[in-house]
C-alpha atoms as a PDB file:
ATOM      1  CA  MET A   1      77.315 -85.151-234.761  1.00  0.00           C
ATOM      2  CA  GLY A   2      73.339 -85.930-233.962  1.00  0.00           C
ATOM      3  CA  ILE A   3      72.085 -88.323-231.721  1.00  0.00           C
ATOM      4  CA  THR A   4      72.178 -91.553-232.301  1.00  0.00           C
ATOM      5  CA  SER A   5      69.967 -95.203-231.465  1.00  0.00           C
ATOM      6  CA  GLN A   6      70.433 -98.845-231.821  1.00  0.00           C
ATOM      7  CA  ILE A   7      68.085-101.445-232.021  1.00  0.00           C
ATOM      8  CA  LEU A   8      67.786-103.958-228.890  1.00  0.00           C
ATOM      9  CA  ASP A   9      65.477-106.239-230.328  1.00  0.00           C
ATOM     10  CA  ARG A  10      61.936-106.582-231.813  1.00  0.00           C
ATOM     11  CA  ARG A  11      59.248-108.988-230.423  1.00  0.00           C
ATOM     12  CA  PRO A  12      55.910-109.669-232.715  1.00  0.00           C
ATOM     13  CA  PHE A  13      52.232-109.219-231.107  1.00  0.00           C
ATOM     14  CA  ASP A  14      48.668-109.823-232.561  1.00  0.00           C
ATOM     15  CA  LEU A  15      48.194-106.707-233.980  1.00  0.00           C
ATOM     16  CA  ASP A  16      44.891-106.773-234.864  1.00  0.00           C
ATOM     17  CA  LEU A  17      43.961-107.953-230.952  1.00  0.00           C
ATOM     18  CA  TYR A  18      45.887-104.733-230.512  1.00  0.00           C
ATOM     19  CA  ASN A  19      43.691-102.592-233.492  1.00  0.00           C
ATOM     20  CA  LYS A  20      40.558-104.278-231.733  1.00  0.00           C
ATOM     21  CA  ASP A  21      40.839-103.347-228.017  1.00  0.00           C
ATOM     22  CA  GLY A  22      44.203-102.346-227.391  1.00  0.00           C
ATOM     23  CA  THR A  23      45.251-105.279-225.417  1.00  0.00           C
ATOM     24  CA  LEU A  24      48.970-106.334-226.170  1.00  0.00           C
ATOM     25  CA  VAL A  25      49.555-109.939-226.173  1.00  0.00           C
ATOM     26  CA  TYR A  26      53.053-111.196-228.124  1.00  0.00           C
ATOM     27  CA  THR A  27      53.229-113.919-230.279  1.00  0.00           C
ATOM     28  CA  GLY A  28      56.263-115.034-230.047  1.00  0.00           C
ATOM     29  CA  PRO A  29      60.135-114.235-228.767  1.00  0.00           C
ATOM     30  CA  ALA A  30      61.850-111.097-228.944  1.00  0.00           C
ATOM     31  CA  THR A  31      64.833-111.816-230.972  1.00  0.00           C
ATOM     32  CA  LEU A  32      68.281-109.754-232.153  1.00  0.00           C
ATOM     33  CA  PRO A  33      67.941-107.721-235.006  1.00  0.00           C
ATOM     34  CA  PRO A  34      69.923-109.051-237.869  1.00  0.00           C
ATOM     35  CA  PRO A  35      74.190-108.059-237.457  1.00  0.00           C
ATOM     36  CA  ASN A  36      73.827-104.987-240.403  1.00  0.00           C
ATOM     37  CA  LYS A  37      71.203-103.632-238.173  1.00  0.00           C
ATOM     38  CA  ARG A  38      73.184-103.992-234.779  1.00  0.00           C
ATOM     39  CA  GLY A  39      74.845-100.313-234.603  1.00  0.00           C
ATOM     40  CA  TRP A  40      74.172 -97.313-234.249  1.00  0.00           C
ATOM     41  CA  LYS A  41      72.126 -95.439-236.309  1.00  0.00           C
ATOM     42  CA  ASP A  42      70.360 -92.032-237.089  1.00  0.00           C
ATOM     43  CA  THR A  43      66.968 -93.846-237.852  1.00  0.00           C
ATOM     44  CA  VAL A  44      64.943 -97.249-236.987  1.00  0.00           C
ATOM     45  CA  ALA A  45      63.065 -99.303-238.639  1.00  0.00           C
ATOM     46  CA  ALA A  46      59.874-100.082-236.259  1.00  0.00           C
ATOM     47  CA  PRO A  47      57.788-103.090-239.052  1.00  0.00           C
ATOM     48  CA  ALA A  48      54.011-103.502-237.939  1.00  0.00           C
ATOM     49  CA  ALA A  49      52.699-105.633-235.375  1.00  0.00           C
ATOM     50  CA  GLU A  50      56.649-105.724-233.818  1.00  0.00           C
ATOM     51  CA  ILE A  51      57.137-103.822-230.699  1.00  0.00           C
ATOM     52  CA  THR A  52      60.946-102.393-231.597  1.00  0.00           C
ATOM     53  CA  ARG A  53      62.636-101.575-228.301  1.00  0.00           C
ATOM     54  CA  VAL A  54      65.780 -98.865-228.923  1.00  0.00           C
ATOM     55  CA  ILE A  55      68.477 -97.263-226.505  1.00  0.00           C
ATOM     56  CA  MET A  56      69.007 -93.781-227.572  1.00  0.00           C
ATOM     57  CA  ARG A  57      72.818 -91.938-226.804  1.00  0.00           C
ATOM     58  CA  PHE A  58      71.968 -87.711-226.073  1.00  0.00           C
ATOM     59  CA  ALA A  59      74.809 -86.928-223.677  1.00  0.00           C
ATOM     60  CA  PRO A  60      76.339 -84.201-223.808  1.00  0.00           C
ATOM     61  CA  TYR A  61      73.620 -82.547-225.587  1.00  0.00           C
ATOM     62  CA  THR A  62      70.253 -81.848-223.770  1.00  0.00           C
ATOM     63  CA  GLY A  63      67.053 -80.059-224.649  1.00  0.00           C
ATOM     64  CA  HIS A  64      63.535 -80.224-226.825  1.00  0.00           C
ATOM     65  CA  TYR A  65      63.504 -82.957-229.261  1.00  0.00           C
ATOM     66  CA  VAL A  66      60.367 -84.997-230.967  1.00  0.00           C
ATOM     67  CA  TRP A  67      60.364 -88.666-231.870  1.00  0.00           C
ATOM     68  CA  HIS A  68      58.191 -88.922-235.586  1.00  0.00           C
ATOM     69  CA  CYS A  69      57.688 -91.069-237.948  1.00  0.00           C
ATOM     70  CA  HIS A  70      58.406 -90.941-242.076  1.00  0.00           C
ATOM     71  CA  ILE A  71      55.108 -92.837-243.131  1.00  0.00           C
ATOM     72  CA  LEU A  72      53.344 -89.259-243.980  1.00  0.00           C
ATOM     73  CA  GLU A  73      49.840 -90.301-242.956  1.00  0.00           C
ATOM     74  CA  HIS A  74      51.215 -90.938-239.188  1.00  0.00           C
ATOM     75  CA  GLU A  75      52.098 -87.346-238.495  1.00  0.00           C
ATOM     76  CA  ASP A  76      48.703 -87.193-238.364  1.00  0.00           C
ATOM     77  CA  ASN A  77      48.141 -90.142-235.790  1.00  0.00           C
ATOM     78  CA  ASP A  78      49.971 -89.027-232.656  1.00  0.00           C
ATOM     79  CA  MET A  79      53.112 -90.422-234.445  1.00  0.00           C
ATOM     80  CA  MET A  80      54.860 -87.252-233.180  1.00  0.00           C
ATOM     81  CA  ARG A  81      55.691 -86.122-229.503  1.00  0.00           C
ATOM     82  CA  PRO A  82      57.814 -84.122-228.010  1.00  0.00           C
ATOM     83  CA  PHE A  83      60.092 -85.000-225.265  1.00  0.00           C
ATOM     84  CA  ILE A  84      62.820 -83.039-223.206  1.00  0.00           C
ATOM     85  CA  VAL A  85      66.509 -84.498-222.462  1.00  0.00           C
ATOM     86  CA  ILE A  86      67.767 -83.083-219.320  1.00  0.00           C
ATOM     87  CA  ASP A  87      70.979 -83.603-216.865  1.00  0.00           C
ATOM     88  CA  PRO A  88      69.832 -86.155-213.750  1.00  0.00           C
END
């Protein structure tokens, strides 16, 4: 059994403005994912121009992890980041 995640919601934002100066301006409300995307998954799609909020279940696992994007070009643009899960 691995680590799984679940999409909480998605919210559109102005991608052009964000790319211009880093300002995050939402362009619509947060929406739930469609029913077939609401379960626990081992991968999550994160469309451009949307904030995708997810929760993840790590217990009982602790240790070093990395989140990453499966678009090859993103690996060179800080889209692979390490993090550590610890017991509280």
